Amino acid sequence: MSQDIMDVITAADELVAIGEPTHAEPAFGLIRNELVGRLAEHGFRSVALEVDRVAALIVNDYVQDGVGTLDAVLREGFSHGWGEFDANRRLVSWMREYNRGRPPEGRLAFHGFDTPMETMSAPSPRSYLEHARDYLGLDTDIAALTGDDERWSRTEAVMDPEASPGATAEADRLRVLADDMLTTLHARAPELIAASSRETWSRARTRLTAGLDLLRYHAQAARRVEPAARLAGLTATRDALMARNLVEIRAAEARRGGTLVFTHNLHLRRTVSTMAMGGTEVSWYSAGAILDALGERCTVIMGSIGRSAALGLGEPDPDTFEGRLSGQVTGWGLVRPGPGRPRTDTARQRGYFPLDQATLDGAAAVLHIAGA
């Protein structure tokens, strides 16, 4: 057992992912912050969290250059409610102080690798596509095709294929336009970058890609198939886009240093992920499994909790994975996974998933918190 992350990764590891079994236990975020500081000492220069990639640009502007205020950044730069987590406030504040006075190449960067959508809702692609249109100087009425933003963002638009705009003629036209804009963005890259900057060009591409992603997600939501297949398709689409975003983030950060990823364990599994959703069992390949299949080297540390007041979890049975890990750890520690059985003393409340062998397969270590 160790509390030094350098004891479980090597100098060659440039993409390290730490999972957590739930987003509702604050201790994981606080320990993550401590590990970020340690990795920064060893040349890591970026952090990627499970938040919207476009919104996270606001956070990066703040930690890099002090643009905006901390409260506004937490409110506008974090999706999925992550701006309300105290650990994220502390992380952003610490990154800003770390970067203050450092040259650009030595500063820490903040990334989101998630998409703008929730599991059961997704916004309109209008604003993302309009940003790219304006950057390219085109005269295209995007709003005439998207219509009212609310028809895209309401829950029914994702959960009910009959209410989805994703398979309409307007949506098909938007996908063609967005794809053409992406080609144009690359074809005119020398001219556009010279007139603005590579960073401005890259951000236009990120927003345009997000708009395309939303159109893909809404198209998946419009599929008239049985519920389990629809939900599996939506979940798989989101993880596939997460994996692509991580590949692109690493490409951008490769010359500066390593990247620490922080997300739910489910997004890091190397095997098929399963989850009860909408009254059915849904199976899909996570971002971790996709990265592994593509040959992208990612060192995975799964998260585990023994006792948690926040989750209402008592002590795990000693022969469970969590129980055996608690027997090795005082407080918290990084532990090599060993044998055990899944705990059965709790339901999956508040997004909590106990350890099982499939989650541990391929993990370099477990970040285990004995009690919180």
Protein backbone atom coordinates (compact mmCIF):
# COMPACT_ATOMS: atom_id res chain seq x y z
CA MET A 1 0.00 0.00 0.00
CA SER A 2 1.21 3.51 -0.83
CA GLN A 3 -0.07 7.07 -0.95
CA ASP A 4 2.51 8.03 -3.59
CA ILE A 5 1.10 7.71 -7.09
CA MET A 6 4.63 7.40 -8.46
CA ASP A 7 4.78 3.98 -6.82
CA VAL A 8 2.08 2.63 -9.15
CA ILE A 9 2.87 4.39 -12.44
CA THR A 10 6.06 4.63 -14.47
CA ALA A 11 7.91 7.57 -15.99
CA ALA A 12 6.60 6.44 -19.39
CA ASP A 13 2.93 6.78 -18.37
CA GLU A 14 1.57 9.94 -19.98
CA LEU A 15 -2.17 9.25 -19.67
CA VAL A 16 -3.25 8.24 -16.17
CA ALA A 17 -6.93 7.83 -15.31
CA ILE A 18 -8.33 7.74 -11.79
CA GLY A 19 -11.86 6.45 -11.33
CA GLU A 20 -14.38 6.77 -8.53
CA PRO A 21 -17.29 4.39 -7.81
CA THR A 22 -19.69 7.34 -7.38
CA HIS A 23 -19.60 11.11 -7.85
CA ALA A 24 -21.38 11.56 -4.50
CA GLU A 25 -18.45 10.81 -2.16
CA PRO A 26 -16.41 14.05 -1.80
CA ALA A 27 -13.30 12.33 -0.45
CA PHE A 28 -12.31 11.15 -3.94
CA GLY A 29 -12.09 14.68 -5.32
CA LEU A 30 -9.96 15.85 -2.41
CA ILE A 31 -7.51 12.95 -2.82
CA ARG A 32 -7.45 13.59 -6.57
CA ASN A 33 -6.36 17.15 -5.89
CA GLU A 34 -3.47 15.90 -3.79
CA LEU A 35 -2.41 13.53 -6.57
CA VAL A 36 -2.61 16.31 -9.17
CA GLY A 37 -0.01 18.25 -7.18
CA ARG A 38 2.25 15.22 -7.02
CA LEU A 39 1.96 14.54 -10.75
CA ALA A 40 2.66 18.19 -11.55
CA GLU A 41 6.02 17.74 -9.80
CA HIS A 42 6.75 14.92 -12.27
CA GLY A 43 5.95 16.80 -15.48
CA PHE A 44 2.20 16.32 -15.87
CA ARG A 45 0.75 19.47 -17.38
CA SER A 46 -2.98 18.85 -17.79
CA VAL A 47 -6.08 17.58 -16.03
CA ALA A 48 -9.15 16.21 -17.84
CA LEU A 49 -12.43 15.87 -15.93
CA GLU A 50 -15.76 14.30 -16.84
CA VAL A 51 -17.32 17.63 -17.79
CA ASP A 52 -18.38 19.25 -21.05
CA ARG A 53 -15.35 19.93 -23.23
CA VAL A 54 -16.69 23.23 -24.57
CA ALA A 55 -17.73 24.61 -21.17
CA ALA A 56 -14.33 23.63 -19.75
CA LEU A 57 -12.66 26.17 -22.05
CA ILE A 58 -13.94 28.79 -19.58
CA VAL A 59 -12.14 26.99 -16.74
CA ASN A 60 -8.93 26.76 -18.73
CA ASP A 61 -8.99 30.48 -19.48
CA TYR A 62 -9.22 31.13 -15.76
CA VAL A 63 -6.51 28.74 -14.57
CA GLN A 64 -4.14 29.77 -17.37
CA ASP A 65 -4.66 33.52 -17.53
CA GLY A 66 -7.02 34.53 -14.72
CA VAL A 67 -9.92 35.38 -17.04
CA GLY A 68 -13.20 35.83 -15.14
CA THR A 69 -14.00 35.13 -11.50
CA LEU A 70 -13.87 31.84 -9.63
CA ASP A 71 -17.60 31.82 -8.90
CA ALA A 72 -18.51 32.50 -12.53
CA VAL A 73 -16.09 29.86 -13.76
CA LEU A 74 -17.55 27.23 -11.44
CA ARG A 75 -21.07 28.17 -12.52
CA GLU A 76 -20.45 28.34 -16.28
CA GLY A 77 -17.42 26.13 -16.87
CA PHE A 78 -18.64 22.90 -15.27
CA SER A 79 -21.47 20.75 -16.60
CA HIS A 80 -23.39 17.95 -14.86
CA GLY A 81 -23.43 19.89 -11.56
CA TRP A 82 -19.69 19.46 -10.99
CA GLY A 83 -19.21 23.17 -10.30
CA GLU A 84 -20.97 22.66 -6.96
CA PHE A 85 -18.33 20.24 -5.67
CA ASP A 86 -15.98 21.83 -3.13
CA ALA A 87 -13.10 19.67 -4.38
CA ASN A 88 -13.45 21.20 -7.85
CA ARG A 89 -13.45 24.73 -6.41
CA ARG A 90 -10.24 23.86 -4.59
CA LEU A 91 -8.70 22.31 -7.69
CA VAL A 92 -9.42 25.33 -9.89
CA SER A 93 -8.12 27.73 -7.24
CA TRP A 94 -4.94 25.71 -6.77
CA MET A 95 -4.31 25.44 -10.52
CA ARG A 96 -4.70 29.21 -10.88
CA GLU A 97 -2.15 29.83 -8.13
CA TYR A 98 0.22 27.22 -9.54
CA ASN A 99 0.13 28.90 -12.97
CA ARG A 100 0.53 32.45 -11.71
CA GLY A 101 3.84 33.83 -12.96
CA ARG A 102 4.82 30.68 -14.86
CA PRO A 103 5.60 30.74 -18.60
CA PRO A 104 2.85 29.29 -20.85
CA GLU A 105 4.71 26.04 -21.48
CA GLY A 106 4.93 25.37 -17.75
CA ARG A 107 1.31 26.06 -16.86
CA LEU A 108 -1.27 23.43 -16.04
CA ALA A 109 -4.16 23.13 -18.50
CA PHE A 110 -7.74 22.17 -17.66
CA HIS A 111 -9.84 20.08 -20.06
CA GLY A 112 -13.29 18.55 -20.10
CA PHE A 113 -13.58 15.33 -22.07
CA ASP A 114 -17.34 14.82 -21.82
CA THR A 115 -20.02 15.98 -24.22
CA PRO A 116 -22.71 18.66 -23.63
CA MET A 117 -25.44 16.06 -23.14
CA GLU A 118 -26.87 14.31 -20.11
CA THR A 119 -28.06 10.72 -20.29
CA MET A 120 -31.68 11.79 -20.68
CA SER A 121 -31.35 15.20 -22.30
CA ALA A 122 -29.21 17.04 -24.84
CA PRO A 123 -29.27 20.70 -25.90
CA SER A 124 -29.78 22.20 -29.32
CA PRO A 125 -26.72 22.25 -31.60
CA ARG A 126 -27.54 25.79 -32.75
CA SER A 127 -25.05 27.87 -30.73
CA TYR A 128 -22.15 25.51 -31.48
CA LEU A 129 -22.79 25.54 -35.21
CA GLU A 130 -23.35 29.30 -35.29
CA HIS A 131 -19.98 29.89 -33.63
CA ALA A 132 -18.22 27.93 -36.38
CA ARG A 133 -20.31 29.62 -39.09
CA ASP A 134 -19.34 33.06 -37.82
CA TYR A 135 -15.67 32.09 -37.55
CA LEU A 136 -15.73 30.90 -41.16
CA GLY A 137 -17.57 34.04 -42.29
CA LEU A 138 -20.43 32.11 -43.87
CA ASP A 139 -23.98 33.29 -44.48
CA THR A 140 -26.11 30.35 -43.35
CA ASP A 141 -29.30 30.59 -41.32
CA ILE A 142 -28.68 27.86 -38.75
CA ALA A 143 -31.56 29.00 -36.51
CA ALA A 144 -34.07 28.48 -39.31
CA LEU A 145 -33.12 24.80 -39.37
CA THR A 146 -32.83 24.18 -35.64
CA GLY A 147 -36.00 26.03 -34.70
CA ASP A 148 -36.81 26.54 -31.03
CA ASP A 149 -33.95 25.32 -28.83
CA GLU A 150 -36.43 23.83 -26.35
CA ARG A 151 -37.63 21.19 -28.80
CA TRP A 152 -34.13 19.70 -28.64
CA SER A 153 -33.40 20.15 -24.94
CA ARG A 154 -36.55 18.72 -23.33
CA THR A 155 -36.31 15.22 -21.90
CA GLU A 156 -38.90 13.85 -24.33
CA ALA A 157 -36.63 14.71 -27.26
CA VAL A 158 -34.17 12.05 -26.05
CA MET A 159 -36.42 9.54 -24.31
CA ASP A 160 -39.26 9.40 -26.85
CA PRO A 161 -38.28 8.79 -30.49
CA GLU A 162 -41.63 10.18 -31.61
CA ALA A 163 -40.76 13.53 -29.98
CA SER A 164 -37.16 13.64 -31.20
CA PRO A 165 -36.06 16.16 -33.84
CA GLY A 166 -32.99 14.01 -34.57
CA ALA A 167 -34.37 12.30 -37.69
CA THR A 168 -36.13 15.26 -39.29
CA ALA A 169 -35.19 16.67 -42.69
CA GLU A 170 -33.86 19.76 -40.91
CA ALA A 171 -31.58 17.66 -38.71
CA ASP A 172 -30.26 15.80 -41.76
CA ARG A 173 -29.57 19.13 -43.47
CA LEU A 174 -27.78 20.42 -40.35
CA ARG A 175 -25.52 17.36 -40.26
CA VAL A 176 -24.53 17.90 -43.89
CA LEU A 177 -23.87 21.60 -43.26
CA ALA A 178 -21.84 20.87 -40.13
CA ASP A 179 -19.79 18.23 -41.90
CA ASP A 180 -19.13 20.64 -44.78
CA MET A 181 -18.07 23.34 -42.30
CA LEU A 182 -15.64 20.92 -40.65
CA THR A 183 -14.05 20.18 -44.02
CA THR A 184 -13.88 23.90 -44.79
CA LEU A 185 -12.33 24.60 -41.39
CA HIS A 186 -9.46 22.25 -42.23
CA ALA A 187 -9.17 23.28 -45.87
CA ARG A 188 -8.77 26.94 -44.88
CA ALA A 189 -6.66 26.27 -41.78
CA PRO A 190 -3.54 28.16 -42.98
CA GLU A 191 -5.56 31.25 -43.85
CA LEU A 192 -7.76 31.11 -40.74
CA ILE A 193 -4.91 30.53 -38.31
CA ALA A 194 -2.88 33.34 -39.85
CA ALA A 195 -5.84 35.71 -39.46
CA SER A 196 -6.61 34.66 -35.86
CA SER A 197 -4.48 32.11 -34.03
CA ARG A 198 -4.07 28.36 -33.80
CA GLU A 199 -5.86 28.45 -30.43
CA THR A 200 -8.84 30.33 -31.90
CA TRP A 201 -9.01 27.87 -34.80
CA SER A 202 -8.83 24.92 -32.42
CA ARG A 203 -11.64 26.29 -30.26
CA ALA A 204 -13.84 26.80 -33.33
CA ARG A 205 -13.19 23.17 -34.23
CA THR A 206 -14.02 22.03 -30.69
CA ARG A 207 -17.36 23.85 -30.77
CA LEU A 208 -18.19 22.64 -34.27
CA THR A 209 -17.37 19.07 -33.28
CA ALA A 210 -19.62 19.42 -30.24
CA GLY A 211 -22.46 20.55 -32.50
CA LEU A 212 -21.94 17.53 -34.73
CA ASP A 213 -21.84 15.29 -31.66
CA LEU A 214 -25.20 16.64 -30.53
CA LEU A 215 -26.69 15.94 -33.95
CA ARG A 216 -25.34 12.38 -33.76
CA TYR A 217 -26.77 11.91 -30.28
CA HIS A 218 -30.18 13.25 -31.29
CA ALA A 219 -30.14 10.98 -34.36
CA GLN A 220 -29.51 8.03 -32.04
CA ALA A 221 -32.37 9.20 -29.81
CA ALA A 222 -34.70 9.20 -32.82
CA ARG A 223 -34.10 5.52 -33.62
CA ARG A 224 -37.30 3.50 -33.38
CA VAL A 225 -35.96 0.36 -31.77
CA GLU A 226 -36.79 -1.45 -28.54
CA PRO A 227 -35.94 0.55 -25.37
CA ALA A 228 -32.86 -1.42 -24.29
CA ALA A 229 -31.24 -0.97 -27.70
CA ARG A 230 -32.03 2.75 -27.72
CA LEU A 231 -30.58 3.35 -24.27
CA ALA A 232 -27.52 1.23 -25.04
CA GLY A 233 -26.98 3.20 -28.23
CA LEU A 234 -27.18 6.53 -26.41
CA THR A 235 -24.79 5.40 -23.67
CA ALA A 236 -22.35 3.89 -26.18
CA THR A 237 -22.41 7.08 -28.26
CA ARG A 238 -21.49 9.21 -25.26
CA ASP A 239 -18.58 6.96 -24.27
CA ALA A 240 -17.33 6.79 -27.86
CA LEU A 241 -17.26 10.59 -27.99
CA MET A 242 -15.47 10.68 -24.61
CA ALA A 243 -12.78 8.36 -25.97
CA ARG A 244 -12.33 10.49 -29.08
CA ASN A 245 -12.06 13.63 -26.97
CA LEU A 246 -9.36 12.05 -24.82
CA VAL A 247 -7.37 11.07 -27.92
CA GLU A 248 -7.58 14.66 -29.17
CA ILE A 249 -6.65 16.11 -25.77
CA ARG A 250 -3.60 13.89 -25.56
CA ALA A 251 -2.56 14.88 -29.08
CA ALA A 252 -2.73 18.53 -28.04
CA GLU A 253 -0.84 17.96 -24.78
CA ALA A 254 1.72 15.39 -25.94
CA ARG A 255 4.62 17.83 -26.23
CA ARG A 256 3.91 19.50 -22.88
CA GLY A 257 3.57 16.56 -20.51
CA GLY A 258 1.23 13.95 -19.09
CA THR A 259 -2.52 14.17 -18.52
CA LEU A 260 -4.51 13.05 -15.47
CA VAL A 261 -8.08 11.94 -16.19
CA PHE A 262 -10.74 11.81 -13.47
CA THR A 263 -14.09 10.12 -14.05
CA HIS A 264 -16.49 7.41 -12.90
CA ASN A 265 -15.16 3.85 -12.85
CA LEU A 266 -17.78 2.84 -15.43
CA HIS A 267 -16.10 5.00 -18.08
CA LEU A 268 -12.73 3.30 -17.52
CA ARG A 269 -13.61 -0.40 -17.63
CA ARG A 270 -11.69 -2.47 -20.18
CA THR A 271 -14.58 -4.93 -20.54
CA VAL A 272 -18.27 -4.48 -21.35
CA SER A 273 -20.02 -2.12 -18.93
CA THR A 274 -23.53 -2.82 -17.68
CA MET A 275 -26.05 -0.67 -15.86
CA ALA A 276 -29.74 -0.81 -14.95
CA MET A 277 -31.50 2.01 -16.77
CA GLY A 278 -35.13 2.65 -17.62
CA GLY A 279 -36.20 -0.68 -16.18
CA THR A 280 -33.77 -2.68 -18.31
CA GLU A 281 -30.14 -3.80 -18.23
CA VAL A 282 -28.00 -1.80 -20.64
CA SER A 283 -24.61 -2.96 -21.96
CA TRP A 284 -22.01 -0.96 -23.89
CA TYR A 285 -18.26 -0.43 -24.32
CA SER A 286 -16.84 2.34 -22.16
CA ALA A 287 -14.30 4.97 -23.16
CA GLY A 288 -11.64 2.89 -21.40
CA ALA A 289 -12.43 -0.20 -23.46
CA ILE A 290 -12.40 1.86 -26.66
CA LEU A 291 -9.03 3.46 -25.86
CA ASP A 292 -7.61 0.03 -25.06
CA ALA A 293 -8.87 -1.43 -28.35
CA LEU A 294 -7.35 1.48 -30.27
CA GLY A 295 -3.96 0.91 -28.64
CA GLU A 296 -4.02 4.18 -26.67
CA ARG A 297 -1.92 3.56 -23.57
CA CYS A 298 -3.84 4.58 -20.46
CA THR A 299 -2.87 3.58 -16.94
CA VAL A 300 -6.08 3.06 -14.98
CA ILE A 301 -6.51 3.37 -11.20
CA MET A 302 -10.02 2.36 -10.12
CA GLY A 303 -11.69 4.00 -7.12
CA SER A 304 -13.14 2.12 -4.16
CA ILE A 305 -14.82 3.02 -0.87
CA GLY A 306 -15.33 0.93 2.26
CA ARG A 307 -17.41 2.99 4.68
CA SER A 308 -19.11 6.23 3.65
CA ALA A 309 -21.40 8.47 5.67
CA ALA A 310 -22.30 10.42 2.52
CA LEU A 311 -23.55 7.24 0.84
CA GLY A 312 -24.95 5.57 3.93
CA LEU A 313 -22.48 2.69 3.56
CA GLY A 314 -21.39 0.69 6.58
CA GLU A 315 -18.31 -1.49 6.87
CA PRO A 316 -18.08 -4.01 4.01
CA ASP A 317 -17.92 -7.74 4.73
CA PRO A 318 -14.28 -8.76 5.12
CA ASP A 319 -14.29 -11.18 2.15
CA THR A 320 -15.57 -8.58 -0.34
CA PHE A 321 -13.20 -6.63 -2.57
CA GLU A 322 -13.80 -3.52 -0.48
CA GLY A 323 -13.44 -5.43 2.78
CA ARG A 324 -10.11 -6.94 1.79
CA LEU A 325 -8.84 -3.54 0.64
CA SER A 326 -9.95 -1.90 3.90
CA GLY A 327 -7.89 -4.50 5.72
CA GLN A 328 -4.79 -3.17 3.95
CA VAL A 329 -5.46 0.56 4.19
CA THR A 330 -5.45 3.12 6.97
CA GLY A 331 -7.34 6.18 5.75
CA TRP A 332 -6.70 5.82 2.04
CA GLY A 333 -4.10 4.21 -0.15
CA LEU A 334 -3.12 2.97 -3.59
CA VAL A 335 -3.32 -0.82 -3.50
CA ARG A 336 -2.77 -3.59 -6.02
CA PRO A 337 -6.10 -5.36 -6.64
CA GLY A 338 -6.53 -8.85 -5.25
CA PRO A 339 -9.25 -11.53 -4.99
CA GLY A 340 -12.62 -10.96 -3.40
CA ARG A 341 -16.34 -10.93 -4.11
CA PRO A 342 -18.73 -8.06 -4.87
CA ARG A 343 -20.40 -6.52 -1.85
CA THR A 344 -24.15 -7.00 -1.57
CA ASP A 345 -24.92 -4.79 1.40
CA THR A 346 -26.07 -1.84 -0.66
CA ALA A 347 -28.15 -0.87 -3.64
CA ARG A 348 -26.70 1.39 -6.32
CA GLN A 349 -27.83 4.53 -4.55
CA ARG A 350 -26.45 7.89 -5.69
CA GLY A 351 -24.63 6.35 -8.64
CA TYR A 352 -22.56 3.98 -6.49
CA PHE A 353 -21.24 0.80 -8.10
CA PRO A 354 -19.38 -1.72 -5.91
CA LEU A 355 -16.21 -3.30 -7.22
CA ASP A 356 -16.41 -6.47 -9.26
CA GLN A 357 -13.79 -8.45 -11.14
CA ALA A 358 -14.67 -6.90 -14.50
CA THR A 359 -14.03 -3.43 -13.07
CA LEU A 360 -10.66 -4.52 -11.69
CA ASP A 361 -9.49 -6.28 -14.85
CA GLY A 362 -6.68 -4.25 -16.40
CA ALA A 363 -6.41 -1.81 -13.49
CA ALA A 364 -2.88 -0.95 -12.38
CA ALA A 365 -4.07 -0.22 -8.84
CA VAL A 366 -7.07 0.71 -6.71
CA LEU A 367 -7.45 4.03 -4.93
CA HIS A 368 -9.23 2.76 -1.83
CA ILE A 369 -10.71 4.89 0.94
CA ALA A 370 -11.31 2.77 4.02
CA GLY A 371 -13.77 5.19 5.58
CA ALA A 372 -15.14 8.63 4.90
